[in-house]
Amino acid sequence: MNADPLEIQKFSELAHRWWDPTSEFKPLHEINPLRLEWINARAPLAGKKVIDIGCGGGILSESMARKGADVTGIDLSDKALKVADLHSLESGVQVRYKKLRLKTWPPKKLASTTSLPAWKCWNTYRTRAPSCAPPPRW
């Protein structure tokens, strides 16, 4: 397993607060417009298929979908995915959410997907430090 069970548990316990901009996720809400514009400037999202790896409650996933991307958010936290699904229904922004590991993603789908957002997720889950290094090939 390439995910930290303690991290999954931590974010599962906080999942109900994911969309509260005054919660522990306040920094994520504040930086989301910057992340979105950085991604969109390098790989215009309109009309692209995007996998948001480690999507959590779906903040970036929904933002990318609003830019016209066909987004699938994947995560290992059932609770975060339920929050993301519910918010997607409430907001009317269409995003598919799935509980799975990237390495189980069908290769044909992965080959046709924009990879730049995976950089963001790789940094979040692996280094927790900003960089522009691409993730390794699975």
C-alpha atoms as a PDB file:
ATOM      1  CA  MET A   1       0.000   0.000   0.000  1.00  0.00           C
ATOM      2  CA  ASN A   2       1.430   3.384  -0.945  1.00  0.00           C
ATOM      3  CA  ALA A   3      -0.853   5.362   1.344  1.00  0.00           C
ATOM      4  CA  ASP A   4      -0.437   6.086   5.028  1.00  0.00           C
ATOM      5  CA  PRO A   5      -3.351   4.565   6.984  1.00  0.00           C
ATOM      6  CA  LEU A   6      -2.948   7.215   9.691  1.00  0.00           C
ATOM      7  CA  GLU A   7      -3.333   9.994   7.098  1.00  0.00           C
ATOM      8  CA  ILE A   8      -6.457   8.336   5.707  1.00  0.00           C
ATOM      9  CA  GLN A   9      -7.876   8.015   9.225  1.00  0.00           C
ATOM     10  CA  LYS A  10      -7.019  11.638  10.052  1.00  0.00           C
ATOM     11  CA  PHE A  11      -8.786  13.017   6.991  1.00  0.00           C
ATOM     12  CA  SER A  12     -11.714  10.638   7.455  1.00  0.00           C
ATOM     13  CA  GLU A  13     -12.261  12.002  10.960  1.00  0.00           C
ATOM     14  CA  LEU A  14     -12.253  15.582   9.608  1.00  0.00           C
ATOM     15  CA  ALA A  15     -14.300  14.841   6.480  1.00  0.00           C
ATOM     16  CA  HIS A  16     -17.503  16.455   7.766  1.00  0.00           C
ATOM     17  CA  ARG A  17     -15.651  19.818   7.907  1.00  0.00           C
ATOM     18  CA  TRP A  18     -14.082  19.640   4.436  1.00  0.00           C
ATOM     19  CA  TRP A  19     -16.242  22.352   2.864  1.00  0.00           C
ATOM     20  CA  ASP A  20     -16.232  24.662   5.906  1.00  0.00           C
ATOM     21  CA  PRO A  21     -13.898  27.524   4.910  1.00  0.00           C
ATOM     22  CA  THR A  22     -13.286  28.349   8.596  1.00  0.00           C
ATOM     23  CA  SER A  23     -12.265  24.797   9.555  1.00  0.00           C
ATOM     24  CA  GLU A  24      -8.935  23.020   9.538  1.00  0.00           C
ATOM     25  CA  PHE A  25      -9.273  23.144   5.751  1.00  0.00           C
ATOM     26  CA  LYS A  26      -9.218  26.957   5.618  1.00  0.00           C
ATOM     27  CA  PRO A  27      -5.711  27.016   4.062  1.00  0.00           C
ATOM     28  CA  LEU A  28      -6.872  24.585   1.386  1.00  0.00           C
ATOM     29  CA  HIS A  29      -9.841  26.834   0.545  1.00  0.00           C
ATOM     30  CA  GLU A  30      -7.574  29.874   0.425  1.00  0.00           C
ATOM     31  CA  ILE A  31      -4.946  28.309  -1.826  1.00  0.00           C
ATOM     32  CA  ASN A  32      -7.390  26.489  -4.120  1.00  0.00           C
ATOM     33  CA  PRO A  33      -7.811  29.396  -6.596  1.00  0.00           C
ATOM     34  CA  LEU A  34      -4.022  29.609  -6.939  1.00  0.00           C
ATOM     35  CA  ARG A  35      -3.666  25.857  -7.467  1.00  0.00           C
ATOM     36  CA  LEU A  36      -6.479  25.864  -9.997  1.00  0.00           C
ATOM     37  CA  GLU A  37      -5.021  28.720 -12.031  1.00  0.00           C
ATOM     38  CA  TRP A  38      -1.516  27.217 -11.890  1.00  0.00           C
ATOM     39  CA  ILE A  39      -2.846  23.925 -13.280  1.00  0.00           C
ATOM     40  CA  ASN A  40      -5.089  25.583 -15.856  1.00  0.00           C
ATOM     41  CA  ALA A  41      -2.244  27.804 -17.118  1.00  0.00           C
ATOM     42  CA  ARG A  42      -0.056  24.765 -17.779  1.00  0.00           C
ATOM     43  CA  ALA A  43      -2.701  22.321 -19.018  1.00  0.00           C
ATOM     44  CA  PRO A  44      -5.939  24.097 -19.974  1.00  0.00           C
ATOM     45  CA  LEU A  45      -8.687  22.094 -18.333  1.00  0.00           C
ATOM     46  CA  ALA A  46     -11.627  22.693 -20.692  1.00  0.00           C
ATOM     47  CA  GLY A  47     -12.488  19.448 -22.424  1.00  0.00           C
ATOM     48  CA  LYS A  48      -9.759  17.407 -20.693  1.00  0.00           C
ATOM     49  CA  LYS A  49     -10.167  14.197 -18.705  1.00  0.00           C
ATOM     50  CA  VAL A  50      -8.572  14.675 -15.290  1.00  0.00           C
ATOM     51  CA  ILE A  51      -7.892  12.333 -12.374  1.00  0.00           C
ATOM     52  CA  ASP A  52      -7.637  14.127  -9.042  1.00  0.00           C
ATOM     53  CA  ILE A  53      -5.575  11.660  -7.013  1.00  0.00           C
ATOM     54  CA  GLY A  54      -6.211  12.030  -3.310  1.00  0.00           C
ATOM     55  CA  CYS A  55      -9.193  14.286  -3.962  1.00  0.00           C
ATOM     56  CA  GLY A  56     -10.425  14.246  -0.378  1.00  0.00           C
ATOM     57  CA  GLY A  57     -13.659  16.232  -0.133  1.00  0.00           C
ATOM     58  CA  GLY A  58     -13.417  17.415  -3.733  1.00  0.00           C
ATOM     59  CA  ILE A  59     -12.476  21.091  -3.444  1.00  0.00           C
ATOM     60  CA  LEU A  60     -10.033  21.040  -6.354  1.00  0.00           C
ATOM     61  CA  SER A  61     -12.051  18.419  -8.251  1.00  0.00           C
ATOM     62  CA  GLU A  62     -15.131  20.644  -8.360  1.00  0.00           C
ATOM     63  CA  SER A  63     -13.063  23.678  -9.316  1.00  0.00           C
ATOM     64  CA  MET A  64     -11.502  21.826 -12.242  1.00  0.00           C
ATOM     65  CA  ALA A  65     -14.939  20.613 -13.345  1.00  0.00           C
ATOM     66  CA  ARG A  66     -16.190  24.224 -13.301  1.00  0.00           C
ATOM     67  CA  LYS A  67     -13.360  25.013 -15.749  1.00  0.00           C
ATOM     68  CA  GLY A  68     -14.819  22.403 -18.115  1.00  0.00           C
ATOM     69  CA  ALA A  69     -12.776  19.329 -17.209  1.00  0.00           C
ATOM     70  CA  ASP A  70     -14.269  15.849 -17.062  1.00  0.00           C
ATOM     71  CA  VAL A  71     -13.064  15.017 -13.536  1.00  0.00           C
ATOM     72  CA  THR A  72     -12.779  11.771 -11.651  1.00  0.00           C
ATOM     73  CA  GLY A  73     -11.656  12.168  -8.059  1.00  0.00           C
ATOM     74  CA  ILE A  74     -10.074   9.164  -6.387  1.00  0.00           C
ATOM     75  CA  ASP A  75      -9.303   8.748  -2.715  1.00  0.00           C
ATOM     76  CA  LEU A  76      -9.034   6.010  -0.093  1.00  0.00           C
ATOM     77  CA  SER A  77     -11.251   7.688   2.523  1.00  0.00           C
ATOM     78  CA  ASP A  78     -14.875   6.570   2.335  1.00  0.00           C
ATOM     79  CA  LYS A  79     -15.991   9.489   4.488  1.00  0.00           C
ATOM     80  CA  ALA A  80     -14.206  12.108   2.403  1.00  0.00           C
ATOM     81  CA  LEU A  81     -15.675  10.613  -0.776  1.00  0.00           C
ATOM     82  CA  LYS A  82     -19.182  10.713   0.698  1.00  0.00           C
ATOM     83  CA  VAL A  83     -18.690  14.391   1.569  1.00  0.00           C
ATOM     84  CA  ALA A  84     -17.372  15.056  -1.944  1.00  0.00           C
ATOM     85  CA  ASP A  85     -20.341  13.239  -3.544  1.00  0.00           C
ATOM     86  CA  LEU A  86     -22.849  15.124  -1.403  1.00  0.00           C
ATOM     87  CA  HIS A  87     -21.272  18.496  -2.144  1.00  0.00           C
ATOM     88  CA  SER A  88     -21.192  17.712  -5.853  1.00  0.00           C
ATOM     89  CA  LEU A  89     -24.925  16.972  -5.754  1.00  0.00           C
ATOM     90  CA  GLU A  90     -25.637  20.150  -3.777  1.00  0.00           C
ATOM     91  CA  SER A  91     -23.518  22.353  -6.030  1.00  0.00           C
ATOM     92  CA  GLY A  92     -24.682  20.796  -9.286  1.00  0.00           C
ATOM     93  CA  VAL A  93     -21.060  20.354 -10.414  1.00  0.00           C
ATOM     94  CA  GLN A  94     -20.605  16.941 -11.985  1.00  0.00           C
ATOM     95  CA  VAL A  95     -17.603  14.989 -10.685  1.00  0.00           C
ATOM     96  CA  ARG A  96     -17.247  11.221 -10.418  1.00  0.00           C
ATOM     97  CA  TYR A  97     -15.736  10.003  -7.160  1.00  0.00           C
ATOM     98  CA  LYS A  98     -14.254   6.546  -6.672  1.00  0.00           C
ATOM     99  CA  LYS A  99     -12.490   4.725  -3.880  1.00  0.00           C
ATOM    100  CA  LEU A 100      -9.439   3.184  -5.485  1.00  0.00           C
ATOM    101  CA  ARG A 101      -5.691   3.350  -5.794  1.00  0.00           C
ATOM    102  CA  LEU A 102      -4.198   4.839  -8.924  1.00  0.00           C
ATOM    103  CA  LYS A 103      -2.394   1.609  -9.718  1.00  0.00           C
ATOM    104  CA  THR A 104      -5.786  -0.107 -10.116  1.00  0.00           C
ATOM    105  CA  TRP A 105      -6.956   2.483 -12.675  1.00  0.00           C
ATOM    106  CA  PRO A 106      -7.460   0.878 -16.116  1.00  0.00           C
ATOM    107  CA  PRO A 107      -4.351   1.633 -18.244  1.00  0.00           C
ATOM    108  CA  LYS A 108      -6.403   2.797 -21.254  1.00  0.00           C
ATOM    109  CA  LYS A 109      -8.171   5.386 -19.113  1.00  0.00           C
ATOM    110  CA  LEU A 110      -4.917   6.529 -17.536  1.00  0.00           C
ATOM    111  CA  ALA A 111      -3.300   7.017 -20.950  1.00  0.00           C
ATOM    112  CA  SER A 112      -6.096   9.369 -22.042  1.00  0.00           C
ATOM    113  CA  THR A 113      -6.030  11.492 -18.895  1.00  0.00           C
ATOM    114  CA  THR A 114      -4.309  14.817 -18.233  1.00  0.00           C
ATOM    115  CA  SER A 115      -1.466  14.112 -15.839  1.00  0.00           C
ATOM    116  CA  LEU A 116      -0.644  17.575 -14.505  1.00  0.00           C
ATOM    117  CA  PRO A 117      -3.127  17.503 -11.600  1.00  0.00           C
ATOM    118  CA  ALA A 118      -1.447  14.310 -10.457  1.00  0.00           C
ATOM    119  CA  TRP A 119       1.635  16.440  -9.735  1.00  0.00           C
ATOM    120  CA  LYS A 120      -0.404  18.323  -7.149  1.00  0.00           C
ATOM    121  CA  CYS A 121      -1.618  15.140  -5.585  1.00  0.00           C
ATOM    122  CA  TRP A 122       1.775  13.473  -5.618  1.00  0.00           C
ATOM    123  CA  ASN A 123       3.136  16.423  -3.662  1.00  0.00           C
ATOM    124  CA  THR A 124       0.264  16.299  -1.196  1.00  0.00           C
ATOM    125  CA  TYR A 125       0.542  12.595  -0.484  1.00  0.00           C
ATOM    126  CA  ARG A 126       4.254  11.988  -0.897  1.00  0.00           C
ATOM    127  CA  THR A 127       6.405  14.964  -0.077  1.00  0.00           C
ATOM    128  CA  ARG A 128       4.016  17.445   1.513  1.00  0.00           C
ATOM    129  CA  ALA A 129       6.306  20.064   0.012  1.00  0.00           C
ATOM    130  CA  PRO A 130       5.593  22.085  -3.105  1.00  0.00           C
ATOM    131  CA  SER A 131       7.572  21.164  -6.163  1.00  0.00           C
ATOM    132  CA  CYS A 132       7.027  20.660  -9.851  1.00  0.00           C
ATOM    133  CA  ALA A 133       8.432  17.165 -10.111  1.00  0.00           C
ATOM    134  CA  PRO A 134       6.116  14.765 -11.904  1.00  0.00           C
ATOM    135  CA  PRO A 135       5.001  11.594 -10.144  1.00  0.00           C
ATOM    136  CA  PRO A 136       6.726   8.357 -10.997  1.00  0.00           C
ATOM    137  CA  ARG A 137       5.180   6.174 -13.685  1.00  0.00           C
ATOM    138  CA  TRP A 138       2.934   3.443 -12.305  1.00  0.00           C
END
